[in-house]
Protein backbone atom coordinates (compact mmCIF):
# COMPACT_ATOMS: atom_id res chain seq x y z
CA MET A 1 -35.18 -27.06 -26.83
CA ASN A 2 -34.53 -28.15 -30.40
CA ASN A 3 -35.05 -31.60 -31.88
CA ILE A 4 -32.05 -33.20 -33.59
CA PHE A 5 -32.75 -35.92 -36.16
CA ILE A 6 -30.02 -38.34 -37.24
CA SER A 7 -30.01 -41.19 -39.74
CA VAL A 8 -27.61 -43.25 -41.85
CA ASN A 9 -27.93 -43.84 -45.58
CA PHE A 10 -26.71 -46.83 -47.56
CA LYS A 11 -28.49 -47.30 -50.88
CA SER A 12 -31.68 -45.91 -49.32
CA SER A 13 -31.84 -42.39 -50.76
CA HIS A 14 -35.36 -43.16 -52.06
CA LEU A 15 -36.54 -43.04 -48.43
CA ILE A 16 -35.19 -39.57 -47.64
CA ASP A 17 -38.09 -37.50 -49.04
CA ASN A 18 -40.67 -39.26 -46.88
CA TRP A 19 -38.43 -39.18 -43.79
CA VAL A 20 -37.63 -35.47 -43.98
CA LYS A 21 -41.18 -34.44 -44.88
CA SER A 22 -42.59 -36.36 -41.91
CA ILE A 23 -40.10 -34.56 -39.63
CA ASN A 24 -41.15 -31.19 -41.02
CA ASN A 25 -44.81 -32.08 -40.49
CA CYS A 26 -44.25 -32.95 -36.83
CA SER A 27 -41.43 -30.71 -35.62
CA ILE A 28 -41.02 -26.96 -36.03
CA ASP A 29 -37.60 -26.44 -34.42
CA SER A 30 -35.35 -29.16 -35.82
CA ASP A 31 -31.85 -29.93 -37.08
CA VAL A 32 -31.38 -32.83 -39.49
CA ILE A 33 -28.20 -34.85 -40.02
CA ILE A 34 -27.69 -37.72 -42.46
CA VAL A 35 -24.53 -39.80 -42.66
CA ASP A 36 -23.88 -41.30 -46.08
CA ASN A 37 -22.09 -44.64 -45.99
CA PHE A 38 -20.65 -44.62 -49.49
CA SER A 39 -22.19 -47.09 -51.95
CA THR A 40 -21.93 -45.46 -55.40
CA ILE A 41 -20.99 -42.07 -56.81
CA GLU A 42 -24.56 -41.73 -58.14
CA GLU A 43 -26.02 -42.35 -54.68
CA ARG A 44 -23.73 -39.80 -53.09
CA GLU A 45 -24.72 -37.19 -55.66
CA ILE A 46 -28.37 -37.82 -54.81
CA LEU A 47 -27.54 -37.20 -51.13
CA ARG A 48 -25.73 -33.98 -51.98
CA LEU A 49 -28.70 -32.71 -53.98
CA SER A 50 -31.11 -33.75 -51.21
CA SER A 51 -29.03 -31.95 -48.58
CA LYS A 52 -29.36 -28.73 -50.58
CA LYS A 53 -33.07 -29.29 -51.19
CA TYR A 54 -33.92 -29.95 -47.53
CA SER A 55 -31.04 -28.05 -45.88
CA PHE A 56 -29.77 -30.95 -43.79
CA LYS A 57 -26.21 -31.56 -42.65
CA LEU A 58 -24.56 -34.27 -44.76
CA ILE A 59 -21.64 -36.23 -43.34
CA GLU A 60 -19.82 -38.20 -46.03
CA LEU A 61 -17.99 -41.39 -45.03
CA ASP A 62 -16.76 -44.60 -46.60
CA ASN A 63 -18.99 -47.56 -45.79
CA VAL A 64 -17.97 -47.90 -42.14
CA GLY A 65 -21.12 -49.71 -41.04
CA TYR A 66 -24.27 -48.49 -39.33
CA SER A 67 -22.97 -48.21 -35.77
CA LYS A 68 -19.78 -46.26 -36.50
CA ALA A 69 -21.68 -43.95 -38.85
CA MET A 70 -24.24 -43.25 -36.14
CA ASN A 71 -21.48 -42.56 -33.62
CA GLN A 72 -19.86 -40.11 -36.05
CA ALA A 73 -23.15 -38.19 -36.23
CA LEU A 74 -23.36 -38.19 -32.42
CA LEU A 75 -19.80 -36.84 -32.19
CA PHE A 76 -20.86 -34.01 -34.49
CA CYS A 77 -23.80 -33.32 -32.16
CA LYS A 78 -21.51 -33.22 -29.12
CA LYS A 79 -19.43 -30.51 -30.78
CA THR A 80 -22.39 -28.54 -32.10
CA PHE A 81 -25.31 -28.68 -29.65
CA LYS A 82 -25.45 -28.03 -25.91
CA LYS A 83 -29.13 -28.83 -25.44
CA GLY A 84 -31.72 -30.80 -27.34
CA ILE A 85 -33.54 -34.06 -27.89
CA ILE A 86 -31.88 -36.52 -30.25
CA PHE A 87 -33.89 -38.78 -32.54
CA CYS A 88 -31.56 -41.30 -34.19
CA GLY A 89 -32.48 -44.33 -36.22
CA ASN A 90 -33.49 -45.58 -39.62
CA LEU A 91 -34.60 -43.78 -42.75
CA ASP A 92 -37.36 -46.38 -43.16
CA ILE A 93 -39.70 -44.64 -40.73
CA THR A 94 -42.41 -42.02 -40.92
CA PHE A 95 -42.92 -39.70 -37.97
CA LEU A 96 -46.61 -39.53 -37.10
CA ASN A 97 -46.38 -37.50 -33.91
CA ILE A 98 -43.69 -35.66 -31.96
CA PRO A 99 -44.73 -33.94 -28.72
CA ASP A 100 -43.98 -30.26 -28.15
CA ARG A 101 -42.41 -30.88 -24.74
CA PHE A 102 -40.31 -33.58 -23.10
CA ILE A 103 -39.51 -34.28 -19.48
CA HIS A 104 -36.12 -32.68 -18.90
CA GLY A 105 -33.35 -34.82 -17.43
CA SER A 106 -31.46 -38.06 -17.93
CA TYR A 107 -34.15 -39.79 -19.95
CA VAL A 108 -34.60 -42.09 -22.90
CA TYR A 109 -38.03 -41.45 -24.41
CA VAL A 110 -39.92 -44.55 -25.51
CA PRO A 111 -41.76 -44.16 -28.83
CA LYS A 112 -44.70 -46.12 -30.14
CA VAL A 113 -43.39 -48.04 -33.17
CA THR A 114 -46.13 -49.28 -35.49
CA GLU A 115 -45.46 -51.87 -38.19
CA ALA A 116 -47.72 -53.51 -40.76
CA LYS A 117 -48.54 -56.49 -38.53
CA ARG A 118 -47.70 -55.06 -35.10
CA ASN A 119 -49.33 -52.28 -33.16
CA ASN A 120 -46.18 -51.49 -31.19
CA ARG A 121 -42.63 -52.91 -31.27
CA ASN A 122 -41.76 -51.46 -27.86
CA PRO A 123 -40.56 -52.77 -25.56
CA PHE A 124 -38.13 -54.53 -27.89
CA LEU A 125 -36.74 -56.49 -24.95
CA THR A 126 -37.77 -56.65 -21.31
CA VAL A 127 -35.60 -57.37 -18.28
CA LEU A 128 -36.90 -60.95 -18.37
CA GLN A 129 -36.09 -61.33 -22.07
CA LYS A 130 -32.57 -60.11 -21.34
CA LYS A 131 -32.02 -63.46 -19.62
CA ILE A 132 -32.18 -65.13 -23.07
CA ASN A 133 -28.97 -63.33 -24.09
CA PRO A 134 -26.68 -66.30 -23.26
CA ILE A 135 -28.50 -68.37 -25.90
CA TYR A 136 -28.04 -65.60 -28.47
CA LYS A 137 -24.37 -65.61 -27.46
CA ILE A 138 -24.06 -69.34 -28.25
CA ALA A 139 -25.87 -68.83 -31.56
CA ALA A 140 -23.48 -66.04 -32.50
CA LYS A 141 -20.34 -67.95 -31.58
CA LYS A 142 -21.47 -71.04 -33.49
CA LYS A 143 -23.09 -68.99 -36.28
CA SER A 144 -26.09 -71.30 -35.91
CA VAL A 145 -29.44 -70.44 -37.46
CA TYR A 146 -31.13 -73.16 -35.39
CA ILE A 147 -29.86 -71.94 -32.02
CA TYR A 148 -30.73 -68.39 -33.03
CA PHE A 149 -34.34 -69.42 -33.73
CA LEU A 150 -34.46 -71.24 -30.40
CA ALA A 151 -33.48 -67.97 -28.71
CA VAL A 152 -36.14 -66.10 -30.71
CA ILE A 153 -38.85 -68.59 -29.67
CA LEU A 154 -37.86 -68.36 -25.99
CA ASN A 155 -37.73 -64.61 -26.34
CA LYS A 156 -41.29 -64.48 -27.66
CA ILE A 157 -42.54 -66.70 -24.83
CA ALA A 158 -40.81 -64.50 -22.25
CA GLY A 159 -42.37 -61.47 -23.90
CA TYR A 160 -45.82 -62.57 -22.72
CA CYS A 161 -44.70 -62.32 -19.09
CA PRO A 162 -44.92 -58.94 -17.30
CA SER A 163 -41.49 -57.35 -16.93
CA LYS A 164 -39.86 -53.91 -17.08
CA ILE A 165 -38.50 -52.54 -20.33
CA TRP A 166 -34.79 -53.13 -20.97
CA ALA A 167 -34.30 -52.29 -24.66
CA ILE A 168 -36.21 -50.21 -27.20
CA HIS A 169 -36.67 -51.00 -30.87
CA GLY A 170 -33.75 -49.95 -33.09
CA SER A 171 -35.85 -48.09 -35.65
CA LEU A 172 -35.71 -45.04 -33.36
CA PHE A 173 -33.65 -44.12 -30.30
CA CYS A 174 -34.80 -40.89 -28.69
CA PHE A 175 -32.95 -39.34 -25.74
CA ASN A 176 -31.83 -36.17 -24.06
CA ILE A 177 -28.51 -35.01 -25.54
CA SER A 178 -26.98 -35.12 -22.06
CA LEU A 179 -26.71 -38.88 -22.65
CA ILE A 180 -23.74 -38.16 -24.91
CA ASN A 181 -22.64 -34.67 -23.85
CA ASP A 182 -21.99 -35.65 -20.23
CA LEU A 183 -20.19 -38.91 -21.04
CA ASP A 184 -16.90 -39.86 -22.65
CA ASN A 185 -18.08 -42.91 -24.57
CA LEU A 186 -20.84 -43.36 -27.16
CA PRO A 187 -23.86 -45.72 -27.35
CA PHE A 188 -22.99 -47.78 -30.39
CA ASN A 189 -20.13 -50.15 -31.21
CA ASP A 190 -17.68 -48.82 -33.82
CA ASN A 191 -16.56 -52.37 -34.58
CA SER A 192 -20.03 -53.59 -35.57
CA PHE A 193 -21.16 -53.34 -39.17
CA LEU A 194 -24.87 -54.02 -38.75
CA TYR A 195 -27.31 -55.32 -36.08
CA SER A 196 -27.29 -55.59 -32.27
CA GLU A 197 -27.64 -51.83 -31.85
CA GLU A 198 -30.64 -52.39 -29.54
CA TRP A 199 -28.51 -54.45 -27.14
CA GLU A 200 -25.65 -51.95 -27.33
CA PHE A 201 -27.93 -49.01 -26.56
CA ALA A 202 -29.69 -50.87 -23.74
CA SER A 203 -26.43 -51.77 -21.99
CA PHE A 204 -25.11 -48.24 -22.52
CA ILE A 205 -28.04 -46.51 -20.86
CA GLU A 206 -28.19 -49.15 -18.13
CA SER A 207 -24.52 -48.61 -17.26
CA ASN A 208 -25.01 -44.84 -17.16
CA ASN A 209 -28.19 -44.88 -15.05
CA PHE A 210 -30.50 -43.25 -17.57
CA SER A 211 -34.22 -43.82 -17.06
CA PHE A 212 -37.00 -44.59 -19.51
CA ALA A 213 -39.83 -42.10 -19.90
CA LYS A 214 -43.15 -42.66 -21.62
CA SER A 215 -43.76 -40.35 -24.55
CA ASP A 216 -46.28 -39.47 -27.23
CA ILE A 217 -43.73 -40.06 -30.01
CA HIS A 218 -45.36 -42.21 -32.68
CA ILE A 219 -43.67 -43.56 -35.80
CA LYS A 220 -44.50 -46.03 -38.54
CA HIS A 221 -41.67 -48.43 -39.38
CA PHE A 222 -41.38 -50.08 -42.78
CA SER A 223 -39.66 -53.28 -41.67
CA ASN A 224 -36.53 -54.40 -43.57
CA ALA A 225 -36.73 -51.53 -46.07
CA THR A 226 -33.08 -50.63 -45.45
CA THR A 227 -31.64 -54.13 -44.86
CA SER A 228 -33.25 -56.18 -47.63
CA ILE A 229 -30.53 -55.13 -50.09
CA LEU A 230 -27.94 -56.82 -47.84
CA ILE A 231 -29.84 -59.78 -46.41
CA LYS A 232 -31.23 -62.33 -48.86
CA ASP A 233 -31.74 -65.29 -46.52
CA GLN A 234 -31.10 -66.49 -42.97
CA LYS A 235 -27.52 -67.55 -43.75
CA ASP A 236 -26.73 -64.01 -44.89
CA PHE A 237 -28.38 -62.68 -41.74
CA ILE A 238 -26.35 -64.89 -39.39
CA LYS A 239 -23.07 -64.02 -41.13
CA ILE A 240 -23.66 -60.31 -40.53
CA TRP A 241 -25.48 -60.52 -37.19
CA ALA A 242 -23.12 -62.92 -35.40
CA PRO A 243 -19.94 -60.75 -35.43
CA SER A 244 -21.93 -57.74 -34.21
CA PHE A 245 -23.45 -59.69 -31.34
CA ILE A 246 -20.03 -61.05 -30.37
CA ASN A 247 -18.74 -57.46 -30.40
CA TYR A 248 -21.59 -56.59 -28.03
CA VAL A 249 -20.73 -59.51 -25.76
CA ASN A 250 -17.06 -58.50 -25.64
CA ARG A 251 -17.76 -54.82 -25.04
CA TRP A 252 -20.11 -55.35 -22.13
CA ASP A 253 -18.59 -58.58 -20.79
CA VAL A 254 -21.92 -60.40 -21.15
């Protein structure tokens, strides 16, 4: 069963070499797909040269946002592959380990996500932390930094309490391709430009009765390496995050 790697580029071509090389070091049988959300002609030319150098599939789009770009890559996978394990996420990661075998079936495989100051970012949200979502909803509707930070604080407190995993960290979503091949809809929200993909994915797999499976996938995530060019301060963050979270709320009737 082949491994299918997907990522989205927006002004982050400098990360591609490390990303692809880490895949090649950890996976023998792999297909690589990068969606370029157009930023500049120069950036697109770099992607075209990189696609020839590393023999990956390049999908060229206007800047449609992270979620729609990811869905476009998944649509390509639906048309192209019948079997496989999909790894989709950011370019700002290094793969440290990918197991040779995965449990076959309707599974989402939970990776270990290491960051500079954190040993593991998974679970990103537990079932208990999901109960904080109404406060995030208020923060999004009011575009309030203060209410958002209140939700974050409550979230961190709830994270110390034992509870089952509900959402995995957005740097890498790994799942059996049947998650998209056997369903009519897709995990991410086409209307969202950036952020809230963890919530979208969690609600998607929950509604379709997929199960989590432990795995030996291990990645290193370079936090904010792909978003720092867009987000300068908390006001910028709220302006971009809030509409995406409201889209999530509307899609799943939260």
